[in-house]
């Protein structure tokens, strides 16, 4: 009974914090479905198309343009404050996603997934992430509404994560075999060691087998859950509105597939990005603690400028360091 009571209370609080009308939510999710379908078609034939850098950069620009167009709609209907919150949340999630994409790059390398099959895995990975993050954000909004002190917990966690990023080594190996979900899956479902093009499952001798491509998808899906633990609390630092938090988060990850192929070719120019992300996470963590304990609110425009400035400086520093290294060679 306690579990049912908790679920009922959580549902009731979620209904309270959803301030936007029902038609806005329906329109948003309908738009997401249309964009996902368009993204799948625009990236070419299933399993047979290797995404070029030019195509990836073009699609990245399209996704950013669509996000800004949505932001202009928020500005028109909700005002500039909500629009600034959306931009800040979008920038936080986008910047954190860039670091996460390098993890995906290592995972594909570990599994030996060819470039022309990677976009299929990323598509379904992003589709699953949309569902999981929607659940997390609604639950998070309900928790913040019910227990405001949870923001202090978010703040401390973000500061810890930000500091930890400075000690993270780029050459740390990725070993998906240690993933608890992979271990659990293999206990109940047989897995083949051979890749079979773009297939997630095959049938051999009348037996259904999962391929390494599906295991790669499973690892990416579960890894995204860990990423969401950082990014979602960070977005709550700039907005308490679940519609703003959700839409900024989802628009940021919708373009991840295109951004992955764009960044994969120029990964060497982002060597200092993790330090910038560490500063950003620590900043939003301190911002939360100041608001909870000191009742000091850092304005959204100031947060937006700080986050954007740190990102630009970290990327410029990476570019200069890489250029100098190449000249010395």
C-alpha atoms as a PDB file:
ATOM      1  CA  UNK A   1       0.000   0.000   0.000  1.00  0.00           C
ATOM      2  CA  UNK A   2       2.858   2.348   0.718  1.00  0.00           C
ATOM      3  CA  UNK A   3       4.158   1.890  -2.841  1.00  0.00           C
ATOM      4  CA  UNK A   4       0.740   2.620  -4.348  1.00  0.00           C
ATOM      5  CA  UNK A   5       0.380   5.685  -2.132  1.00  0.00           C
ATOM      6  CA  UNK A   6       3.805   6.953  -3.220  1.00  0.00           C
ATOM      7  CA  UNK A   7       2.981   6.439  -6.905  1.00  0.00           C
ATOM      8  CA  UNK A   8      -0.371   8.202  -6.485  1.00  0.00           C
ATOM      9  CA  UNK A   9       1.235  11.168  -4.699  1.00  0.00           C
ATOM     10  CA  UNK A  10       3.936  11.398  -7.361  1.00  0.00           C
ATOM     11  CA  UNK A  11       1.306  11.393 -10.126  1.00  0.00           C
ATOM     12  CA  UNK A  12      -0.729  14.051  -8.309  1.00  0.00           C
ATOM     13  CA  UNK A  13       2.305  16.313  -7.891  1.00  0.00           C
ATOM     14  CA  UNK A  14       3.271  15.842 -11.545  1.00  0.00           C
ATOM     15  CA  UNK A  15      -0.208  16.992 -12.541  1.00  0.00           C
ATOM     16  CA  UNK A  16       0.253  20.056 -10.341  1.00  0.00           C
ATOM     17  CA  UNK A  17       3.619  21.098 -11.811  1.00  0.00           C
ATOM     18  CA  UNK A  18       2.523  20.701 -15.447  1.00  0.00           C
ATOM     19  CA  UNK A  19       1.530  24.289 -16.097  1.00  0.00           C
ATOM     20  CA  UNK A  20       1.257  24.134 -19.904  1.00  0.00           C
ATOM     21  CA  UNK A  21      -2.094  23.201 -21.495  1.00  0.00           C
ATOM     22  CA  UNK A  22      -2.588  19.661 -22.774  1.00  0.00           C
ATOM     23  CA  UNK A  23      -2.544  20.763 -26.415  1.00  0.00           C
ATOM     24  CA  UNK A  24       0.993  22.134 -25.987  1.00  0.00           C
ATOM     25  CA  UNK A  25       2.261  18.738 -24.780  1.00  0.00           C
ATOM     26  CA  UNK A  26       0.451  16.879 -27.570  1.00  0.00           C
ATOM     27  CA  UNK A  27       1.816  19.301 -30.171  1.00  0.00           C
ATOM     28  CA  UNK A  28       5.344  18.976 -28.803  1.00  0.00           C
ATOM     29  CA  UNK A  29       5.421  15.179 -28.821  1.00  0.00           C
ATOM     30  CA  UNK A  30       3.794  15.073 -32.262  1.00  0.00           C
ATOM     31  CA  UNK A  31       6.544  17.413 -33.469  1.00  0.00           C
ATOM     32  CA  UNK A  32       9.187  15.150 -31.918  1.00  0.00           C
ATOM     33  CA  UNK A  33       7.792  12.069 -33.701  1.00  0.00           C
ATOM     34  CA  UNK A  34       7.731  13.900 -37.048  1.00  0.00           C
ATOM     35  CA  UNK A  35      11.299  15.129 -36.574  1.00  0.00           C
ATOM     36  CA  UNK A  36      12.565  11.670 -35.599  1.00  0.00           C
ATOM     37  CA  UNK A  37      10.973  10.186 -38.725  1.00  0.00           C
ATOM     38  CA  UNK A  38      12.432  12.942 -40.895  1.00  0.00           C
ATOM     39  CA  UNK A  39      15.834  12.448 -39.289  1.00  0.00           C
ATOM     40  CA  UNK A  40      15.782   8.719 -40.071  1.00  0.00           C
ATOM     41  CA  UNK A  41      14.802   9.317 -43.699  1.00  0.00           C
ATOM     42  CA  UNK A  42      17.185  12.232 -44.285  1.00  0.00           C
ATOM     43  CA  UNK A  43      20.140  10.188 -43.089  1.00  0.00           C
ATOM     44  CA  UNK A  44      19.626   7.754 -45.926  1.00  0.00           C
ATOM     45  CA  UNK A  45      18.910   4.072 -46.381  1.00  0.00           C
ATOM     46  CA  UNK A  46      18.810   1.874 -43.306  1.00  0.00           C
ATOM     47  CA  UNK A  47      22.149   0.216 -42.653  1.00  0.00           C
ATOM     48  CA  UNK A  48      23.547   1.129 -46.081  1.00  0.00           C
ATOM     49  CA  UNK A  49      24.492   4.782 -45.744  1.00  0.00           C
ATOM     50  CA  UNK A  50      27.726   6.155 -44.327  1.00  0.00           C
ATOM     51  CA  UNK A  51      27.087   9.662 -43.040  1.00  0.00           C
ATOM     52  CA  UNK A  52      29.591  12.178 -44.414  1.00  0.00           C
ATOM     53  CA  UNK A  53      31.034  15.077 -42.419  1.00  0.00           C
ATOM     54  CA  UNK A  54      29.339  17.571 -44.751  1.00  0.00           C
ATOM     55  CA  UNK A  55      25.967  15.902 -44.296  1.00  0.00           C
ATOM     56  CA  UNK A  56      26.437  15.716 -40.524  1.00  0.00           C
ATOM     57  CA  UNK A  57      27.342  19.410 -40.269  1.00  0.00           C
ATOM     58  CA  UNK A  58      24.343  20.337 -42.426  1.00  0.00           C
ATOM     59  CA  UNK A  59      21.945  18.298 -40.299  1.00  0.00           C
ATOM     60  CA  UNK A  60      23.478  19.696 -37.105  1.00  0.00           C
ATOM     61  CA  UNK A  61      22.748  23.192 -38.415  1.00  0.00           C
ATOM     62  CA  UNK A  62      19.174  22.162 -39.268  1.00  0.00           C
ATOM     63  CA  UNK A  63      18.579  20.786 -35.753  1.00  0.00           C
ATOM     64  CA  UNK A  64      19.973  23.907 -34.125  1.00  0.00           C
ATOM     65  CA  UNK A  65      17.772  26.029 -36.411  1.00  0.00           C
ATOM     66  CA  UNK A  66      14.665  24.018 -35.480  1.00  0.00           C
ATOM     67  CA  UNK A  67      15.507  24.410 -31.775  1.00  0.00           C
ATOM     68  CA  UNK A  68      15.901  28.182 -32.147  1.00  0.00           C
ATOM     69  CA  UNK A  69      12.618  28.325 -34.058  1.00  0.00           C
ATOM     70  CA  UNK A  70      10.916  26.509 -31.173  1.00  0.00           C
ATOM     71  CA  UNK A  71      12.567  28.934 -28.755  1.00  0.00           C
ATOM     72  CA  UNK A  72      11.138  31.858 -30.731  1.00  0.00           C
ATOM     73  CA  UNK A  73       7.687  30.270 -30.302  1.00  0.00           C
ATOM     74  CA  UNK A  74       8.228  30.162 -26.533  1.00  0.00           C
ATOM     75  CA  UNK A  75       9.312  33.821 -26.620  1.00  0.00           C
ATOM     76  CA  UNK A  76       6.162  34.753 -28.574  1.00  0.00           C
ATOM     77  CA  UNK A  77       3.723  32.905 -26.279  1.00  0.00           C
ATOM     78  CA  UNK A  78       5.508  32.906 -22.903  1.00  0.00           C
ATOM     79  CA  UNK A  79       7.841  35.917 -23.000  1.00  0.00           C
ATOM     80  CA  UNK A  80      11.579  36.497 -23.049  1.00  0.00           C
ATOM     81  CA  UNK A  81      12.248  35.062 -19.572  1.00  0.00           C
ATOM     82  CA  UNK A  82      10.973  31.591 -20.505  1.00  0.00           C
ATOM     83  CA  UNK A  83      12.815  31.802 -23.824  1.00  0.00           C
ATOM     84  CA  UNK A  84      16.081  32.581 -22.008  1.00  0.00           C
ATOM     85  CA  UNK A  85      15.469  29.648 -19.660  1.00  0.00           C
ATOM     86  CA  UNK A  86      14.985  27.377 -22.677  1.00  0.00           C
ATOM     87  CA  UNK A  87      18.215  28.627 -24.279  1.00  0.00           C
ATOM     88  CA  UNK A  88      20.201  28.150 -21.065  1.00  0.00           C
ATOM     89  CA  UNK A  89      18.808  24.641 -20.555  1.00  0.00           C
ATOM     90  CA  UNK A  90      19.423  23.776 -24.208  1.00  0.00           C
ATOM     91  CA  UNK A  91      23.021  25.009 -24.030  1.00  0.00           C
ATOM     92  CA  UNK A  92      23.724  23.066 -20.815  1.00  0.00           C
ATOM     93  CA  UNK A  93      22.334  19.825 -22.228  1.00  0.00           C
ATOM     94  CA  UNK A  94      23.994  20.312 -25.625  1.00  0.00           C
ATOM     95  CA  UNK A  95      27.412  20.945 -24.087  1.00  0.00           C
ATOM     96  CA  UNK A  96      27.148  17.919 -21.774  1.00  0.00           C
ATOM     97  CA  UNK A  97      25.982  15.803 -24.715  1.00  0.00           C
ATOM     98  CA  UNK A  98      29.111  16.716 -26.673  1.00  0.00           C
ATOM     99  CA  UNK A  99      31.262  15.080 -23.995  1.00  0.00           C
ATOM    100  CA  UNK A 100      28.965  12.055 -23.912  1.00  0.00           C
ATOM    101  CA  UNK A 101      29.343  11.575 -27.670  1.00  0.00           C
ATOM    102  CA  UNK A 102      33.054  10.881 -27.242  1.00  0.00           C
ATOM    103  CA  UNK A 103      32.070   7.990 -24.967  1.00  0.00           C
ATOM    104  CA  UNK A 104      29.832   6.682 -27.758  1.00  0.00           C
ATOM    105  CA  UNK A 105      32.797   6.978 -30.124  1.00  0.00           C
ATOM    106  CA  UNK A 106      34.863   4.716 -27.847  1.00  0.00           C
ATOM    107  CA  UNK A 107      31.972   2.271 -27.489  1.00  0.00           C
ATOM    108  CA  UNK A 108      31.615   1.888 -31.252  1.00  0.00           C
ATOM    109  CA  UNK A 109      35.361   1.357 -31.486  1.00  0.00           C
ATOM    110  CA  UNK A 110      35.188  -1.320 -28.758  1.00  0.00           C
ATOM    111  CA  UNK A 111      32.415  -3.235 -30.548  1.00  0.00           C
ATOM    112  CA  UNK A 112      33.911  -2.691 -34.014  1.00  0.00           C
ATOM    113  CA  UNK A 113      30.698  -1.118 -35.359  1.00  0.00           C
ATOM    114  CA  UNK A 114      31.268   0.221 -38.877  1.00  0.00           C
ATOM    115  CA  UNK A 115      30.457   3.877 -39.472  1.00  0.00           C
ATOM    116  CA  UNK A 116      27.628   3.082 -41.901  1.00  0.00           C
ATOM    117  CA  UNK A 117      25.780   1.107 -39.182  1.00  0.00           C
ATOM    118  CA  UNK A 118      26.356   3.549 -36.330  1.00  0.00           C
ATOM    119  CA  UNK A 119      23.507   5.896 -37.242  1.00  0.00           C
ATOM    120  CA  UNK A 120      20.960   3.079 -36.824  1.00  0.00           C
ATOM    121  CA  UNK A 121      22.168   2.389 -33.266  1.00  0.00           C
ATOM    122  CA  UNK A 122      22.170   6.108 -32.443  1.00  0.00           C
ATOM    123  CA  UNK A 123      18.626   6.549 -33.778  1.00  0.00           C
ATOM    124  CA  UNK A 124      17.154   3.904 -31.484  1.00  0.00           C
ATOM    125  CA  UNK A 125      19.404   5.045 -28.663  1.00  0.00           C
ATOM    126  CA  UNK A 126      18.019   8.569 -28.925  1.00  0.00           C
ATOM    127  CA  UNK A 127      14.451   7.248 -29.212  1.00  0.00           C
ATOM    128  CA  UNK A 128      14.890   5.353 -25.938  1.00  0.00           C
ATOM    129  CA  UNK A 129      16.566   8.365 -24.326  1.00  0.00           C
ATOM    130  CA  UNK A 130      13.527  10.529 -25.144  1.00  0.00           C
ATOM    131  CA  UNK A 131      11.241   8.149 -23.260  1.00  0.00           C
ATOM    132  CA  UNK A 132      13.542   7.704 -20.265  1.00  0.00           C
ATOM    133  CA  UNK A 133      14.320  11.406 -19.921  1.00  0.00           C
ATOM    134  CA  UNK A 134      10.641  12.323 -20.094  1.00  0.00           C
ATOM    135  CA  UNK A 135      10.038  10.016 -17.122  1.00  0.00           C
ATOM    136  CA  UNK A 136      13.060  11.382 -15.214  1.00  0.00           C
ATOM    137  CA  UNK A 137      12.128  15.015 -15.796  1.00  0.00           C
ATOM    138  CA  UNK A 138       8.509  14.597 -14.697  1.00  0.00           C
ATOM    139  CA  UNK A 139       9.676  12.718 -11.612  1.00  0.00           C
ATOM    140  CA  UNK A 140      12.343  15.356 -10.938  1.00  0.00           C
ATOM    141  CA  UNK A 141       9.830  18.192 -11.300  1.00  0.00           C
ATOM    142  CA  UNK A 142       7.519  16.448  -8.862  1.00  0.00           C
ATOM    143  CA  UNK A 143      10.366  15.991  -6.356  1.00  0.00           C
ATOM    144  CA  UNK A 144      11.453  19.646  -6.612  1.00  0.00           C
ATOM    145  CA  UNK A 145       7.860  20.821  -6.198  1.00  0.00           C
ATOM    146  CA  UNK A 146       7.319  18.593  -3.164  1.00  0.00           C
ATOM    147  CA  UNK A 147      10.761  18.784  -1.544  1.00  0.00           C
ATOM    148  CA  UNK A 148      12.598  21.984  -2.460  1.00  0.00           C
ATOM    149  CA  UNK A 149      15.615  20.923  -0.398  1.00  0.00           C
ATOM    150  CA  UNK A 150      16.327  18.314  -3.090  1.00  0.00           C
ATOM    151  CA  UNK A 151      17.866  21.187  -5.096  1.00  0.00           C
ATOM    152  CA  UNK A 152      20.658  21.344  -2.497  1.00  0.00           C
ATOM    153  CA  UNK A 153      21.333  17.637  -3.069  1.00  0.00           C
ATOM    154  CA  UNK A 154      21.413  18.280  -6.832  1.00  0.00           C
ATOM    155  CA  UNK A 155      23.810  21.176  -6.270  1.00  0.00           C
ATOM    156  CA  UNK A 156      26.277  19.179  -4.159  1.00  0.00           C
ATOM    157  CA  UNK A 157      26.170  16.309  -6.653  1.00  0.00           C
ATOM    158  CA  UNK A 158      26.850  18.627  -9.610  1.00  0.00           C
ATOM    159  CA  UNK A 159      29.819  20.249  -7.831  1.00  0.00           C
ATOM    160  CA  UNK A 160      31.215  16.778  -7.092  1.00  0.00           C
ATOM    161  CA  UNK A 161      30.731  15.716 -10.728  1.00  0.00           C
ATOM    162  CA  UNK A 162      32.316  18.932 -12.004  1.00  0.00           C
ATOM    163  CA  UNK A 163      35.409  18.488  -9.816  1.00  0.00           C
ATOM    164  CA  UNK A 164      35.637  14.833 -10.829  1.00  0.00           C
ATOM    165  CA  UNK A 165      35.830  15.824 -14.503  1.00  0.00           C
ATOM    166  CA  UNK A 166      39.201  17.483 -13.900  1.00  0.00           C
ATOM    167  CA  UNK A 167      40.687  14.148 -12.822  1.00  0.00           C
ATOM    168  CA  UNK A 168      39.057  12.122 -15.604  1.00  0.00           C
ATOM    169  CA  UNK A 169      41.612  10.634 -18.013  1.00  0.00           C
ATOM    170  CA  UNK A 170      40.907  10.663 -21.726  1.00  0.00           C
ATOM    171  CA  UNK A 171      42.673   7.362 -22.247  1.00  0.00           C
ATOM    172  CA  UNK A 172      40.558   5.468 -19.747  1.00  0.00           C
ATOM    173  CA  UNK A 173      39.423   2.258 -21.384  1.00  0.00           C
ATOM    174  CA  UNK A 174      35.760   1.528 -22.040  1.00  0.00           C
ATOM    175  CA  UNK A 175      34.768  -1.990 -21.027  1.00  0.00           C
ATOM    176  CA  UNK A 176      31.057  -2.607 -21.726  1.00  0.00           C
ATOM    177  CA  UNK A 177      31.405  -6.165 -20.439  1.00  0.00           C
ATOM    178  CA  UNK A 178      31.280  -4.676 -16.919  1.00  0.00           C
ATOM    179  CA  UNK A 179      27.894  -3.081 -17.621  1.00  0.00           C
ATOM    180  CA  UNK A 180      25.418  -4.664 -15.194  1.00  0.00           C
ATOM    181  CA  UNK A 181      22.579  -4.564 -17.750  1.00  0.00           C
ATOM    182  CA  UNK A 182      24.725  -6.379 -20.336  1.00  0.00           C
ATOM    183  CA  UNK A 183      25.587  -9.071 -17.780  1.00  0.00           C
ATOM    184  CA  UNK A 184      21.909  -9.434 -16.859  1.00  0.00           C
ATOM    185  CA  UNK A 185      20.814  -9.577 -20.504  1.00  0.00           C
ATOM    186  CA  UNK A 186      23.364 -12.296 -21.354  1.00  0.00           C
ATOM    187  CA  UNK A 187      22.061 -14.452 -18.516  1.00  0.00           C
ATOM    188  CA  UNK A 188      18.621 -14.666 -20.132  1.00  0.00           C
ATOM    189  CA  UNK A 189      19.336 -14.204 -23.842  1.00  0.00           C
ATOM    190  CA  UNK A 190      22.063 -15.813 -26.021  1.00  0.00           C
ATOM    191  CA  UNK A 191      24.447 -13.453 -27.833  1.00  0.00           C
ATOM    192  CA  UNK A 192      26.600 -14.101 -30.883  1.00  0.00           C
ATOM    193  CA  UNK A 193      30.124 -12.702 -31.169  1.00  0.00           C
ATOM    194  CA  UNK A 194      29.770 -12.007 -34.886  1.00  0.00           C
ATOM    195  CA  UNK A 195      28.431  -8.799 -36.416  1.00  0.00           C
ATOM    196  CA  UNK A 196      25.619  -9.243 -38.950  1.00  0.00           C
ATOM    197  CA  UNK A 197      25.550  -5.891 -40.739  1.00  0.00           C
ATOM    198  CA  UNK A 198      22.701  -3.750 -39.376  1.00  0.00           C
ATOM    199  CA  UNK A 199      20.783  -6.553 -37.662  1.00  0.00           C
ATOM    200  CA  UNK A 200      20.116  -6.443 -33.910  1.00  0.00           C
ATOM    201  CA  UNK A 201      18.882 -10.048 -33.811  1.00  0.00           C
ATOM    202  CA  UNK A 202      19.447 -13.120 -35.998  1.00  0.00           C
ATOM    203  CA  UNK A 203      18.204 -16.711 -36.088  1.00  0.00           C
ATOM    204  CA  UNK A 204      20.755 -19.529 -36.269  1.00  0.00           C
ATOM    205  CA  UNK A 205      19.767 -23.197 -36.185  1.00  0.00           C
ATOM    206  CA  UNK A 206      16.312 -22.185 -35.028  1.00  0.00           C
ATOM    207  CA  UNK A 207      17.719 -20.191 -32.128  1.00  0.00           C
ATOM    208  CA  UNK A 208      17.181 -16.444 -31.665  1.00  0.00           C
ATOM    209  CA  UNK A 209      20.452 -14.595 -30.964  1.00  0.00           C
ATOM    210  CA  UNK A 210      21.293 -10.978 -30.177  1.00  0.00           C
ATOM    211  CA  UNK A 211      24.184  -9.436 -32.125  1.00  0.00           C
ATOM    212  CA  UNK A 212      26.997  -7.193 -30.825  1.00  0.00           C
ATOM    213  CA  UNK A 213      25.126  -4.310 -32.495  1.00  0.00           C
ATOM    214  CA  UNK A 214      22.231  -4.787 -30.069  1.00  0.00           C
ATOM    215  CA  UNK A 215      24.657  -5.009 -27.127  1.00  0.00           C
ATOM    216  CA  UNK A 216      26.155  -1.699 -28.298  1.00  0.00           C
ATOM    217  CA  UNK A 217      22.626  -0.226 -28.312  1.00  0.00           C
ATOM    218  CA  UNK A 218      21.961  -1.603 -24.822  1.00  0.00           C
ATOM    219  CA  UNK A 219      25.181  -0.065 -23.479  1.00  0.00           C
ATOM    220  CA  UNK A 220      24.445   3.311 -25.096  1.00  0.00           C
ATOM    221  CA  UNK A 221      20.886   3.277 -23.721  1.00  0.00           C
ATOM    222  CA  UNK A 222      21.975   2.473 -20.166  1.00  0.00           C
ATOM    223  CA  UNK A 223      24.939   4.861 -20.375  1.00  0.00           C
ATOM    224  CA  UNK A 224      22.528   7.660 -21.262  1.00  0.00           C
ATOM    225  CA  UNK A 225      20.720   7.024 -17.980  1.00  0.00           C
ATOM    226  CA  UNK A 226      23.960   7.850 -16.160  1.00  0.00           C
ATOM    227  CA  UNK A 227      24.397  10.961 -18.331  1.00  0.00           C
ATOM    228  CA  UNK A 228      20.871  12.102 -17.467  1.00  0.00           C
ATOM    229  CA  UNK A 229      21.763  12.047 -13.768  1.00  0.00           C
ATOM    230  CA  UNK A 230      24.135  14.953 -14.487  1.00  0.00           C
ATOM    231  CA  UNK A 231      22.282  16.894 -17.136  1.00  0.00           C
ATOM    232  CA  UNK A 232      18.708  16.929 -15.818  1.00  0.00           C
ATOM    233  CA  UNK A 233      19.553  18.403 -12.377  1.00  0.00           C
ATOM    234  CA  UNK A 234      21.769  20.947 -14.182  1.00  0.00           C
ATOM    235  CA  UNK A 235      18.819  22.158 -16.286  1.00  0.00           C
ATOM    236  CA  UNK A 236      16.694  22.492 -13.120  1.00  0.00           C
ATOM    237  CA  UNK A 237      19.235  25.119 -12.034  1.00  0.00           C
ATOM    238  CA  UNK A 238      17.907  27.507 -14.697  1.00  0.00           C
ATOM    239  CA  UNK A 239      14.204  26.599 -14.727  1.00  0.00           C
ATOM    240  CA  UNK A 240      11.584  24.910 -12.538  1.00  0.00           C
ATOM    241  CA  UNK A 241       9.067  24.726 -15.388  1.00  0.00           C
ATOM    242  CA  UNK A 242       8.836  21.044 -16.475  1.00  0.00           C
ATOM    243  CA  UNK A 243       7.850  22.096 -20.008  1.00  0.00           C
ATOM    244  CA  UNK A 244      11.012  24.207 -20.379  1.00  0.00           C
ATOM    245  CA  UNK A 245      13.230  21.556 -18.769  1.00  0.00           C
ATOM    246  CA  UNK A 246      11.780  18.775 -20.929  1.00  0.00           C
ATOM    247  CA  UNK A 247      11.716  20.595 -24.253  1.00  0.00           C
ATOM    248  CA  UNK A 248      15.223  22.060 -23.902  1.00  0.00           C
ATOM    249  CA  UNK A 249      16.551  18.629 -22.933  1.00  0.00           C
ATOM    250  CA  UNK A 250      14.831  16.771 -25.749  1.00  0.00           C
ATOM    251  CA  UNK A 251      15.669  19.329 -28.445  1.00  0.00           C
ATOM    252  CA  UNK A 252      19.322  19.103 -27.381  1.00  0.00           C
ATOM    253  CA  UNK A 253      19.447  15.312 -27.738  1.00  0.00           C
ATOM    254  CA  UNK A 254      17.343  15.140 -30.927  1.00  0.00           C
ATOM    255  CA  UNK A 255      20.303  16.392 -32.943  1.00  0.00           C
ATOM    256  CA  UNK A 256      22.851  14.127 -31.245  1.00  0.00           C
ATOM    257  CA  UNK A 257      23.012  11.702 -34.144  1.00  0.00           C
ATOM    258  CA  UNK A 258      24.106  14.390 -36.577  1.00  0.00           C
ATOM    259  CA  UNK A 259      26.382  16.009 -33.996  1.00  0.00           C
ATOM    260  CA  UNK A 260      28.097  12.678 -33.327  1.00  0.00           C
ATOM    261  CA  UNK A 261      29.209  12.263 -36.942  1.00  0.00           C
ATOM    262  CA  UNK A 262      30.326  15.889 -37.074  1.00  0.00           C
ATOM    263  CA  UNK A 263      32.384  15.641 -33.867  1.00  0.00           C
ATOM    264  CA  UNK A 264      33.824  12.195 -34.631  1.00  0.00           C
ATOM    265  CA  UNK A 265      35.975  13.715 -37.375  1.00  0.00           C
ATOM    266  CA  UNK A 266      37.243  16.642 -35.280  1.00  0.00           C
ATOM    267  CA  UNK A 267      37.447  15.046 -31.819  1.00  0.00           C
ATOM    268  CA  UNK A 268      41.048  16.201 -31.386  1.00  0.00           C
ATOM    269  CA  UNK A 269      39.856  19.829 -31.260  1.00  0.00           C
ATOM    270  CA  UNK A 270      37.886  19.223 -28.030  1.00  0.00           C
ATOM    271  CA  UNK A 271      40.595  18.028 -25.664  1.00  0.00           C
ATOM    272  CA  UNK A 272      39.840  20.762 -23.099  1.00  0.00           C
ATOM    273  CA  UNK A 273      36.057  20.486 -23.349  1.00  0.00           C
ATOM    274  CA  UNK A 274      35.856  18.300 -20.226  1.00  0.00           C
ATOM    275  CA  UNK A 275      37.457  21.067 -18.150  1.00  0.00           C
ATOM    276  CA  UNK A 276      34.917  23.561 -19.444  1.00  0.00           C
ATOM    277  CA  UNK A 277      32.099  21.141 -18.607  1.00  0.00           C
ATOM    278  CA  UNK A 278      33.573  20.659 -15.130  1.00  0.00           C
ATOM    279  CA  UNK A 279      33.462  24.432 -14.581  1.00  0.00           C
ATOM    280  CA  UNK A 280      29.886  24.627 -15.907  1.00  0.00           C
ATOM    281  CA  UNK A 281      28.636  21.798 -13.674  1.00  0.00           C
ATOM    282  CA  UNK A 282      30.352  23.327 -10.639  1.00  0.00           C
ATOM    283  CA  UNK A 283      28.847  26.719 -11.509  1.00  0.00           C
ATOM    284  CA  UNK A 284      25.268  25.433 -11.727  1.00  0.00           C
ATOM    285  CA  UNK A 285      25.834  23.430  -8.516  1.00  0.00           C
ATOM    286  CA  UNK A 286      26.978  26.549  -6.647  1.00  0.00           C
ATOM    287  CA  UNK A 287      24.070  28.456  -8.209  1.00  0.00           C
ATOM    288  CA  UNK A 288      21.624  25.932  -6.726  1.00  0.00           C
ATOM    289  CA  UNK A 289      23.200  26.076  -3.272  1.00  0.00           C
ATOM    290  CA  UNK A 290      23.159  29.900  -3.264  1.00  0.00           C
ATOM    291  CA  UNK A 291      19.478  29.871  -4.173  1.00  0.00           C
ATOM    292  CA  UNK A 292      18.508  27.287  -1.514  1.00  0.00           C
ATOM    293  CA  UNK A 293      20.621  28.499   1.418  1.00  0.00           C
ATOM    294  CA  UNK A 294      21.426  32.136   0.631  1.00  0.00           C
ATOM    295  CA  UNK A 295      18.244  33.023  -1.299  1.00  0.00           C
ATOM    296  CA  UNK A 296      20.572  34.523  -3.920  1.00  0.00           C
ATOM    297  CA  UNK A 297      19.276  34.000  -7.443  1.00  0.00           C
ATOM    298  CA  UNK A 298      21.692  34.260 -10.372  1.00  0.00           C
ATOM    299  CA  UNK A 299      19.700  35.591 -13.312  1.00  0.00           C
ATOM    300  CA  UNK A 300      19.155  33.428 -16.384  1.00  0.00           C
ATOM    301  CA  UNK A 301      20.951  35.860 -18.783  1.00  0.00           C
ATOM    302  CA  UNK A 302      24.041  35.821 -16.522  1.00  0.00           C
ATOM    303  CA  UNK A 303      23.957  32.003 -16.392  1.00  0.00           C
ATOM    304  CA  UNK A 304      23.550  31.816 -20.161  1.00  0.00           C
ATOM    305  CA  UNK A 305      26.482  34.162 -20.814  1.00  0.00           C
ATOM    306  CA  UNK A 306      28.727  32.319 -18.352  1.00  0.00           C
ATOM    307  CA  UNK A 307      27.957  28.897 -19.823  1.00  0.00           C
ATOM    308  CA  UNK A 308      28.393  30.105 -23.403  1.00  0.00           C
ATOM    309  CA  UNK A 309      31.631  31.917 -22.535  1.00  0.00           C
ATOM    310  CA  UNK A 310      33.168  28.880 -20.816  1.00  0.00           C
ATOM    311  CA  UNK A 311      32.277  26.647 -23.777  1.00  0.00           C
ATOM    312  CA  UNK A 312      33.779  29.049 -26.305  1.00  0.00           C
ATOM    313  CA  UNK A 313      36.988  29.488 -24.279  1.00  0.00           C
ATOM    314  CA  UNK A 314      37.442  25.731 -23.753  1.00  0.00           C
ATOM    315  CA  UNK A 315      37.011  25.049 -27.479  1.00  0.00           C
ATOM    316  CA  UNK A 316      39.343  27.879 -28.449  1.00  0.00           C
ATOM    317  CA  UNK A 317      41.974  26.576 -26.023  1.00  0.00           C
ATOM    318  CA  UNK A 318      41.571  23.087 -27.537  1.00  0.00           C
ATOM    319  CA  UNK A 319      41.968  24.442 -31.058  1.00  0.00           C
ATOM    320  CA  UNK A 320      45.104  26.454 -30.180  1.00  0.00           C
ATOM    321  CA  UNK A 321      46.685  23.507 -28.339  1.00  0.00           C
ATOM    322  CA  UNK A 322      45.963  21.114 -31.228  1.00  0.00           C
ATOM    323  CA  UNK A 323      47.266  23.587 -33.840  1.00  0.00           C
ATOM    324  CA  UNK A 324      50.494  24.167 -31.859  1.00  0.00           C
ATOM    325  CA  UNK A 325      50.991  20.418 -31.446  1.00  0.00           C
ATOM    326  CA  UNK A 326      50.649  19.860 -35.184  1.00  0.00           C
ATOM    327  CA  UNK A 327      53.115  22.652 -35.975  1.00  0.00           C
ATOM    328  CA  UNK A 328      55.702  21.118 -33.640  1.00  0.00           C
ATOM    329  CA  UNK A 329      55.342  17.840 -35.472  1.00  0.00           C
END
